[in-house]
Amino acid sequence: MDWYQSSLSQEIQGHGMEILSVSQVSAIIGGVLDDPRLQDVWVRGEISNFKVHGSGHLYFSLGDKDGQKSAVISCVMWRRDAQQLQFSPHDGMDVLVFGSVGHYAPHGRYQFYVRDIRHAGLGEKHLLVERWKKELSSEGCFALERKRPLPPYPARVGVVTSETGAVLQDIRNVIARRYPVELVVAPTAVQGESAHLEIARALQRIDGMVDVIVIARGGGSFEDLFPFNRPEVVRAIICCSVPVVSAVGHEVDITLADFAADVRAPTPSAAAEVVVPDQAALRESLAETSRKLRTSLLARLDRAGTDLAGLRERFSPRRMERRFNERREALAEITGRLQRGLGSCLALERERLRRAREVLDARNPVQLLKRGYCLLSKDGKIVRSSWQIGRGDRLEVRMGDGKLQVNVEGVRHDQEV
């Protein structure tokens, strides 16, 4: 048997053919199924063989019919994704599924791994809304920088909604209770094939007549709220010259009108509370401000009275006279001290001058001459030593009362004496 298998293998390989293992074939199939065209795609079909596993995973087949031919693909949706569904799929349901084709090697089959399921009709509209959202976002319709603040004290509030629904009455009741202002209503259909065009025209009619606009309708299904996803409504909102508050559906309902509006309110009643202040809170605030102003004013008046009394006391005639006398006595005292100080300074200066004069007189050569001394000069220069004089020199002798001309007959120095 081993010989036969070896011989068969050699024969096959001899014809240039390769023998693949099951794992290799499975890997090739998996590689083929990795084609990007089979990844992250939407597929439409009819559900059959639907089962919910005990683990929470969903298993079913998706098939369609094209003339005489039919095709079926096995599908699986893991519990984590199945828990996000808003409805319960069942056999015979026409759906759109989103996911990727994959290969399950242990069972040798390919299947579609589903991440989302939608009703076929609604699914198409969901896709349409997503496409509109991208287009309008690229136009800047949802940009945060274009959002406008609401006026704090509007005089007129516009409402775009159905004239017969409970929404309008709810808004009227809230505004009448909180802050009664003039309400201008632009009635319009809020659902139906042409509702989006009526809503856009209602916004255009009321724009410029009010300080703020509320666009509202009650809760409903995705289909009911679909007109508020239309680009015509979105563009009409962003073209309004006044701020727009969107209150479409319940809090969990989100439409493109909510993204375009300057403010989104979870309900129409909440929108009414947003657009007008609470008069009770305003009265309380005014009363508190009045109390603060009164307290501040009384405090200022009290301080002003105290300051005025002080000024009156400081500038009374008797007080002024007393202060004048005090200043005059102080001035007299300062003047006397200056005069005494000045007299002492002059006496000291006179004594200093006298002593300086005595010193100068004592050092004056003329005074020495008067006491019997004399000055010798030779050729106009003072003779300070006998060594400067020689025999035959002619000297001038200055005395206290005149001058003498002498001739030197001889010179003797102290060491020669």
Protein backbone atom coordinates (compact mmCIF):
# COMPACT_ATOMS: atom_id res chain seq x y z
CA MET A 1 0.00 0.00 0.00
CA ASP A 2 2.82 2.38 0.89
CA TRP A 3 4.48 1.39 -2.41
CA TYR A 4 1.29 2.20 -4.31
CA GLN A 5 0.88 5.61 -2.67
CA SER A 6 4.51 6.48 -3.36
CA SER A 7 4.16 5.40 -6.98
CA LEU A 8 0.95 7.41 -7.42
CA SER A 9 2.56 10.51 -5.97
CA GLN A 10 5.53 10.21 -8.31
CA GLU A 11 3.19 9.79 -11.29
CA ILE A 12 1.18 12.90 -10.41
CA GLN A 13 4.27 15.01 -9.79
CA GLY A 14 5.71 13.72 -13.02
CA HIS A 15 2.88 15.40 -14.88
CA GLY A 16 3.85 18.76 -13.26
CA MET A 17 1.01 18.71 -10.81
CA GLU A 18 1.26 19.61 -7.10
CA ILE A 19 -0.38 17.67 -4.31
CA LEU A 20 -1.92 20.02 -1.71
CA SER A 21 -2.87 19.32 1.84
CA VAL A 22 -6.33 20.17 3.13
CA SER A 23 -4.81 22.97 5.24
CA GLN A 24 -3.16 24.42 2.15
CA VAL A 25 -6.44 24.38 0.22
CA SER A 26 -8.20 25.98 3.18
CA ALA A 27 -5.53 28.70 3.32
CA ILE A 28 -5.94 29.42 -0.39
CA ILE A 29 -9.72 29.70 0.00
CA GLY A 30 -9.25 32.03 2.97
CA GLY A 31 -6.90 34.19 0.91
CA VAL A 32 -9.40 34.41 -1.94
CA LEU A 33 -12.17 35.41 0.46
CA ASP A 34 -9.95 38.25 1.79
CA ASP A 35 -10.80 40.18 -1.38
CA PRO A 36 -11.65 43.81 -0.32
CA ARG A 37 -14.88 43.53 -2.32
CA LEU A 38 -16.10 41.00 0.25
CA GLN A 39 -15.14 43.03 3.32
CA ASP A 40 -17.33 45.65 5.07
CA VAL A 41 -20.21 45.39 2.58
CA TRP A 42 -23.99 45.68 2.73
CA VAL A 43 -26.01 42.72 1.41
CA ARG A 44 -29.76 42.60 0.89
CA GLY A 45 -31.71 39.36 1.17
CA GLU A 46 -34.45 37.34 2.85
CA ILE A 47 -33.84 35.61 6.21
CA SER A 48 -34.40 31.84 6.48
CA ASN A 49 -33.41 29.12 8.95
CA PHE A 50 -33.17 31.75 11.69
CA LYS A 51 -31.94 30.38 15.06
CA VAL A 52 -30.90 31.98 18.32
CA HIS A 53 -28.17 29.93 19.99
CA GLY A 54 -28.12 29.50 23.76
CA SER A 55 -24.94 31.63 23.81
CA GLY A 56 -26.85 34.55 22.27
CA HIS A 57 -25.29 34.22 18.81
CA LEU A 58 -27.62 34.40 15.79
CA TYR A 59 -27.40 31.86 12.95
CA PHE A 60 -29.43 32.18 9.74
CA SER A 61 -29.29 32.02 5.97
CA LEU A 62 -29.69 34.95 3.60
CA GLY A 63 -31.12 34.23 0.19
CA ASP A 64 -32.53 35.98 -2.86
CA LYS A 65 -34.17 34.89 -6.11
CA ASP A 66 -33.07 36.08 -9.51
CA GLY A 67 -35.30 34.68 -12.27
CA GLN A 68 -35.00 30.86 -12.17
CA LYS A 69 -31.80 30.96 -10.11
CA SER A 70 -31.49 31.28 -6.33
CA ALA A 71 -28.50 31.80 -4.04
CA VAL A 72 -28.05 31.32 -0.28
CA ILE A 73 -25.24 32.33 2.04
CA SER A 74 -24.82 31.20 5.65
CA CYS A 75 -24.66 34.03 8.19
CA VAL A 76 -23.61 34.37 11.82
CA MET A 77 -23.99 37.36 14.12
CA TRP A 78 -22.10 37.26 17.42
CA ARG A 79 -23.90 38.01 20.66
CA ARG A 80 -22.13 41.36 21.24
CA ASP A 81 -23.45 42.73 17.94
CA ALA A 82 -26.85 41.01 18.28
CA GLN A 83 -27.47 42.82 21.59
CA GLN A 84 -27.37 46.15 19.73
CA LEU A 85 -30.32 45.31 17.46
CA GLN A 86 -33.48 47.40 17.91
CA PHE A 87 -35.78 44.65 16.56
CA SER A 88 -36.06 40.84 16.44
CA PRO A 89 -35.23 39.31 13.04
CA HIS A 90 -37.31 36.37 11.82
CA ASP A 91 -37.71 34.10 8.80
CA GLY A 92 -39.06 35.80 5.70
CA MET A 93 -37.87 39.27 6.73
CA ASP A 94 -36.36 41.42 3.95
CA VAL A 95 -33.21 42.92 5.48
CA LEU A 96 -29.93 44.71 4.82
CA VAL A 97 -26.97 43.12 6.61
CA PHE A 98 -23.53 44.65 7.06
CA GLY A 99 -20.37 42.60 7.51
CA SER A 100 -17.62 40.60 5.79
CA VAL A 101 -17.28 37.18 4.13
CA GLY A 102 -14.99 34.78 5.94
CA HIS A 103 -13.86 31.13 5.80
CA TYR A 104 -14.44 28.72 8.70
CA ALA A 105 -11.69 26.14 8.12
CA PRO A 106 -12.80 23.46 10.66
CA HIS A 107 -16.10 22.97 8.83
CA GLY A 108 -14.74 23.79 5.40
CA ARG A 109 -17.32 26.43 4.59
CA TYR A 110 -17.47 30.15 4.04
CA GLN A 111 -20.05 32.35 5.74
CA PHE A 112 -21.05 35.97 6.16
CA TYR A 113 -20.09 37.48 9.53
CA VAL A 114 -22.84 40.03 10.22
CA ARG A 115 -22.25 43.12 12.39
CA ASP A 116 -25.50 45.00 11.74
CA ILE A 117 -29.01 44.20 10.46
CA ARG A 118 -31.64 46.68 9.29
CA HIS A 119 -35.06 46.48 7.68
CA ALA A 120 -34.47 46.72 3.96
CA GLY A 121 -36.69 49.77 3.47
CA LEU A 122 -35.52 51.59 6.59
CA GLY A 123 -31.97 50.48 6.01
CA GLU A 124 -31.89 52.30 2.70
CA LYS A 125 -33.16 55.45 4.40
CA HIS A 126 -30.55 55.08 7.12
CA LEU A 127 -27.88 54.92 4.46
CA LEU A 128 -29.40 57.95 2.77
CA VAL A 129 -29.28 59.91 6.04
CA GLU A 130 -25.66 58.94 6.53
CA ARG A 131 -24.85 60.18 3.03
CA TRP A 132 -26.69 63.47 3.64
CA LYS A 133 -24.89 63.89 6.95
CA LYS A 134 -21.50 63.62 5.25
CA GLU A 135 -22.47 66.00 2.45
CA LEU A 136 -23.97 68.63 4.75
CA SER A 137 -21.07 68.35 7.17
CA SER A 138 -18.61 69.03 4.33
CA GLU A 139 -20.64 72.17 3.56
CA GLY A 140 -20.12 73.37 7.16
CA CYS A 141 -23.79 73.04 8.10
CA PHE A 142 -22.93 71.42 11.44
CA ALA A 143 -19.86 73.52 12.31
CA LEU A 144 -19.73 74.56 15.97
CA GLU A 145 -18.35 78.02 15.15
CA ARG A 146 -21.57 79.00 13.41
CA LYS A 147 -23.71 78.22 16.48
CA ARG A 148 -25.37 81.38 17.85
CA PRO A 149 -26.30 82.15 21.46
CA LEU A 150 -29.98 82.51 22.31
CA PRO A 151 -31.31 85.98 23.19
CA PRO A 152 -31.68 86.27 27.00
CA TYR A 153 -34.98 88.19 26.89
CA PRO A 154 -36.83 87.59 23.60
CA ALA A 155 -39.88 89.70 22.80
CA ARG A 156 -41.23 87.28 20.16
CA VAL A 157 -40.82 83.52 19.90
CA GLY A 158 -41.52 81.72 16.64
CA VAL A 159 -42.75 78.11 16.51
CA VAL A 160 -42.63 75.87 13.44
CA THR A 161 -44.79 72.80 14.08
CA SER A 162 -48.15 71.23 13.41
CA GLU A 163 -51.03 73.54 14.23
CA THR A 164 -53.23 70.72 15.55
CA GLY A 165 -50.78 68.66 17.60
CA ALA A 166 -50.22 68.72 21.36
CA VAL A 167 -46.71 70.09 20.83
CA LEU A 168 -47.92 73.63 20.17
CA GLN A 169 -50.13 73.63 23.25
CA ASP A 170 -47.29 72.35 25.42
CA ILE A 171 -45.03 75.16 24.22
CA ARG A 172 -47.76 77.76 24.81
CA ASN A 173 -48.38 76.51 28.36
CA VAL A 174 -44.70 76.53 29.32
CA ILE A 175 -44.04 80.02 27.90
CA ALA A 176 -47.21 81.43 29.48
CA ARG A 177 -46.12 80.11 32.85
CA ARG A 178 -42.44 81.04 32.68
CA TYR A 179 -42.23 84.30 30.75
CA PRO A 180 -45.29 85.44 28.75
CA VAL A 181 -44.18 86.75 25.36
CA GLU A 182 -45.78 87.02 21.96
CA LEU A 183 -45.88 83.64 20.19
CA VAL A 184 -45.78 83.60 16.37
CA VAL A 185 -46.74 80.24 14.84
CA ALA A 186 -45.81 79.08 11.34
CA PRO A 187 -47.98 75.95 10.92
CA THR A 188 -46.67 73.08 8.82
CA ALA A 189 -47.05 69.37 8.25
CA VAL A 190 -44.43 67.47 10.25
CA GLN A 191 -44.61 64.09 8.45
CA GLY A 192 -45.44 62.84 5.01
CA GLU A 193 -43.87 62.85 1.58
CA SER A 194 -43.76 66.66 1.17
CA ALA A 195 -43.46 67.59 4.86
CA HIS A 196 -39.81 68.60 4.48
CA LEU A 197 -40.70 71.21 1.86
CA GLU A 198 -43.48 72.64 4.04
CA ILE A 199 -41.12 72.81 7.05
CA ALA A 200 -38.49 74.66 5.00
CA ARG A 201 -41.09 77.16 3.72
CA ALA A 202 -42.44 77.71 7.26
CA LEU A 203 -38.93 78.56 8.48
CA GLN A 204 -38.50 81.04 5.64
CA ARG A 205 -41.87 82.70 6.38
CA ILE A 206 -41.23 83.27 10.06
CA ASP A 207 -37.57 84.28 9.78
CA GLY A 208 -37.10 87.97 10.57
CA MET A 209 -40.40 88.25 12.42
CA VAL A 210 -39.18 86.86 15.75
CA ASP A 211 -36.11 86.84 18.01
CA VAL A 212 -35.75 83.04 18.18
CA ILE A 213 -37.37 80.05 16.41
CA VAL A 214 -38.40 76.67 17.83
CA ILE A 215 -38.81 73.86 15.28
CA ALA A 216 -40.66 71.00 16.97
CA ARG A 217 -42.72 67.84 16.72
CA GLY A 218 -43.65 64.99 19.06
CA GLY A 219 -42.08 61.56 19.22
CA GLY A 220 -42.39 58.97 16.49
CA SER A 221 -40.63 56.29 14.53
CA PHE A 222 -37.59 56.84 12.34
CA GLU A 223 -39.95 57.00 9.37
CA ASP A 224 -42.10 59.66 11.11
CA LEU A 225 -39.10 61.86 11.86
CA PHE A 226 -37.50 61.37 8.44
CA PRO A 227 -38.55 64.82 7.04
CA PHE A 228 -36.30 66.48 9.65
CA ASN A 229 -33.32 64.65 8.13
CA ARG A 230 -33.87 66.18 4.71
CA PRO A 231 -31.20 68.58 3.37
CA GLU A 232 -33.92 71.15 2.54
CA VAL A 233 -34.80 71.47 6.24
CA VAL A 234 -31.15 71.57 7.33
CA ARG A 235 -30.29 74.34 4.86
CA ALA A 236 -33.42 76.30 5.81
CA ILE A 237 -32.32 76.17 9.47
CA ILE A 238 -28.80 77.45 8.85
CA CYS A 239 -30.13 80.22 6.57
CA CYS A 240 -32.30 81.68 9.37
CA SER A 241 -31.13 85.10 10.55
CA VAL A 242 -32.07 84.31 14.18
CA PRO A 243 -31.09 81.38 16.43
CA VAL A 244 -33.02 78.13 15.97
CA VAL A 245 -33.83 75.57 18.69
CA SER A 246 -34.57 72.02 17.52
CA ALA A 247 -36.98 69.88 19.56
CA VAL A 248 -37.82 66.93 17.33
CA GLY A 249 -39.07 63.70 18.87
CA HIS A 250 -37.98 62.37 22.24
CA GLU A 251 -34.59 62.68 23.89
CA VAL A 252 -33.25 59.52 22.24
CA ASP A 253 -34.28 60.68 18.75
CA ILE A 254 -31.52 62.46 16.80
CA THR A 255 -32.11 64.07 13.39
CA LEU A 256 -29.94 66.15 11.10
CA ALA A 257 -32.07 69.16 12.09
CA ASP A 258 -30.68 68.74 15.62
CA PHE A 259 -27.11 68.98 14.30
CA ALA A 260 -27.91 72.10 12.25
CA ALA A 261 -29.82 73.98 14.98
CA ASP A 262 -28.03 76.41 17.27
CA VAL A 263 -29.42 74.56 20.31
CA ARG A 264 -30.98 71.10 20.64
CA ALA A 265 -33.68 70.48 23.26
CA PRO A 266 -34.70 66.93 24.23
CA THR A 267 -38.45 67.73 24.02
CA PRO A 268 -40.68 70.59 22.83
CA SER A 269 -41.48 71.54 26.45
CA ALA A 270 -37.76 71.69 27.20
CA ALA A 271 -37.30 73.93 24.14
CA ALA A 272 -39.87 76.34 25.54
CA GLU A 273 -37.94 76.46 28.80
CA VAL A 274 -34.71 77.11 26.93
CA VAL A 275 -35.88 80.05 24.82
CA VAL A 276 -37.41 82.14 27.64
CA PRO A 277 -36.19 82.88 31.15
CA ASP A 278 -38.12 81.98 34.31
CA GLN A 279 -39.96 85.08 35.51
CA ALA A 280 -40.11 83.73 39.08
CA ALA A 281 -36.34 83.34 39.10
CA LEU A 282 -35.98 86.79 37.55
CA ARG A 283 -38.18 88.36 40.23
CA GLU A 284 -36.17 86.67 42.95
CA SER A 285 -32.95 87.83 41.32
CA LEU A 286 -34.29 91.38 41.03
CA ALA A 287 -35.41 91.31 44.66
CA GLU A 288 -31.98 90.11 45.75
CA THR A 289 -30.29 92.77 43.64
CA SER A 290 -32.62 95.40 45.12
CA ARG A 291 -31.74 94.26 48.64
CA LYS A 292 -28.05 94.43 47.89
CA LEU A 293 -28.39 97.90 46.34
CA ARG A 294 -30.42 99.14 49.31
CA THR A 295 -27.89 97.80 51.78
CA SER A 296 -25.01 99.28 49.79
CA LEU A 297 -26.77 102.65 49.45
CA LEU A 298 -27.57 102.86 53.15
CA ALA A 299 -23.98 101.98 54.02
CA ARG A 300 -22.70 104.69 51.69
CA LEU A 301 -25.13 107.24 53.14
CA ASP A 302 -23.98 106.32 56.65
CA ARG A 303 -20.34 106.75 55.68
CA ALA A 304 -21.13 110.04 53.94
CA GLY A 305 -22.92 111.33 57.08
CA THR A 306 -19.96 110.39 59.24
CA ASP A 307 -17.55 112.09 56.84
CA LEU A 308 -19.74 115.22 56.73
CA ALA A 309 -19.88 115.45 60.52
CA GLY A 310 -16.12 115.14 60.65
CA LEU A 311 -15.71 117.92 58.11
CA ARG A 312 -18.06 120.17 60.04
CA GLU A 313 -16.08 119.56 63.21
CA ARG A 314 -12.77 120.17 61.47
CA PHE A 315 -13.90 123.41 59.81
CA SER A 316 -15.93 125.00 62.69
CA PRO A 317 -14.92 128.70 63.42
CA ARG A 318 -13.79 128.04 66.98
CA ARG A 319 -11.79 124.98 65.94
CA MET A 320 -10.24 126.92 63.05
CA GLU A 321 -9.31 129.83 65.36
CA ARG A 322 -7.78 127.44 67.87
CA ARG A 323 -5.79 125.72 65.19
CA PHE A 324 -4.72 129.11 63.78
CA ASN A 325 -3.47 130.23 67.21
CA GLU A 326 -1.64 126.92 67.62
CA ARG A 327 0.04 127.39 64.25
CA ARG A 328 0.92 131.04 65.06
CA GLU A 329 2.48 130.10 68.42
CA ALA A 330 4.44 127.34 66.75
CA LEU A 331 5.65 129.81 64.09
CA ALA A 332 6.71 132.32 66.76
CA GLU A 333 8.60 129.62 68.62
CA ILE A 334 10.39 128.53 65.47
CA THR A 335 11.24 132.16 64.59
CA GLY A 336 12.74 132.74 68.08
CA ARG A 337 14.78 129.58 67.83
CA LEU A 338 16.06 130.62 64.42
CA GLN A 339 17.01 134.05 65.67
CA ARG A 340 18.81 132.64 68.69
CA GLY A 341 20.55 130.12 66.56
CA LEU A 342 21.52 132.78 64.05
CA GLY A 343 22.91 135.05 66.80
CA SER A 344 25.01 132.24 68.20
CA CYS A 345 26.32 131.42 64.75
CA LEU A 346 27.36 135.06 64.11
CA ALA A 347 29.19 135.30 67.45
CA LEU A 348 31.09 132.12 66.70
CA GLU A 349 31.98 133.41 63.24
CA ARG A 350 33.26 136.70 64.66
CA GLU A 351 35.43 134.86 67.18
CA ARG A 352 36.80 132.59 64.45
CA LEU A 353 37.65 135.61 62.28
CA ARG A 354 39.41 137.35 65.17
CA ARG A 355 41.56 134.30 65.86
CA ALA A 356 42.38 133.87 62.20
CA ARG A 357 43.36 137.51 62.02
CA GLU A 358 45.70 137.08 64.99
CA VAL A 359 47.31 134.03 63.36
CA LEU A 360 47.77 135.91 60.11
CA ASP A 361 49.20 138.91 61.91
CA ALA A 362 51.60 136.71 63.80
CA ARG A 363 52.82 135.18 60.58
CA ASN A 364 53.03 138.48 58.67
CA PRO A 365 56.71 139.32 57.90
CA VAL A 366 55.96 143.02 58.28
CA GLN A 367 55.04 142.49 61.91
CA LEU A 368 58.34 140.67 62.46
CA LEU A 369 60.22 143.57 60.94
CA LYS A 370 58.50 145.96 63.34
CA ARG A 371 59.95 143.93 66.22
CA GLY A 372 63.58 144.50 64.98
CA TYR A 373 63.98 141.82 62.39
CA CYS A 374 65.05 142.54 58.81
CA LEU A 375 65.00 140.85 55.40
CA LEU A 376 68.04 140.52 53.12
CA SER A 377 67.62 140.21 49.41
CA LYS A 378 70.12 139.77 46.65
CA ASP A 379 69.23 140.52 43.11
CA GLY A 380 65.54 140.65 44.12
CA LYS A 381 65.62 137.25 45.86
CA ILE A 382 65.40 136.61 49.59
CA VAL A 383 68.71 135.46 51.12
CA ARG A 384 68.10 132.47 53.36
CA SER A 385 71.68 131.34 54.03
CA SER A 386 75.05 133.00 54.51
CA TRP A 387 76.35 130.64 51.90
CA GLN A 388 74.40 132.62 49.31
CA ILE A 389 76.49 135.77 50.01
CA GLY A 390 80.00 136.49 48.95
CA ARG A 391 82.39 139.35 49.54
CA GLY A 392 81.63 142.35 47.45
CA ASP A 393 77.94 141.45 47.03
CA ARG A 394 75.42 144.25 47.08
CA LEU A 395 72.46 143.52 49.29
CA GLU A 396 69.22 145.21 50.10
CA VAL A 397 68.17 145.27 53.74
CA ARG A 398 64.50 145.80 54.52
CA MET A 399 63.54 146.94 57.97
CA GLY A 400 60.26 147.80 59.57
CA ASP A 401 60.38 151.44 58.53
CA GLY A 402 62.61 151.45 55.39
CA LYS A 403 65.26 149.86 53.17
CA LEU A 404 69.13 149.95 53.17
CA GLN A 405 71.68 149.31 50.42
CA VAL A 406 74.85 147.63 51.75
CA ASN A 407 78.07 146.17 50.36
CA VAL A 408 79.49 143.01 51.90
CA GLU A 409 83.10 143.33 53.01
CA GLY A 410 83.34 139.82 54.34
CA VAL A 411 81.37 136.68 55.25
CA ARG A 412 81.77 134.33 58.18
CA HIS A 413 79.77 131.13 58.53
CA ASP A 414 78.71 129.60 61.85
CA GLN A 415 81.17 126.73 61.58
CA GLU A 416 83.93 129.18 61.13
CA VAL A 417 82.95 131.15 64.18
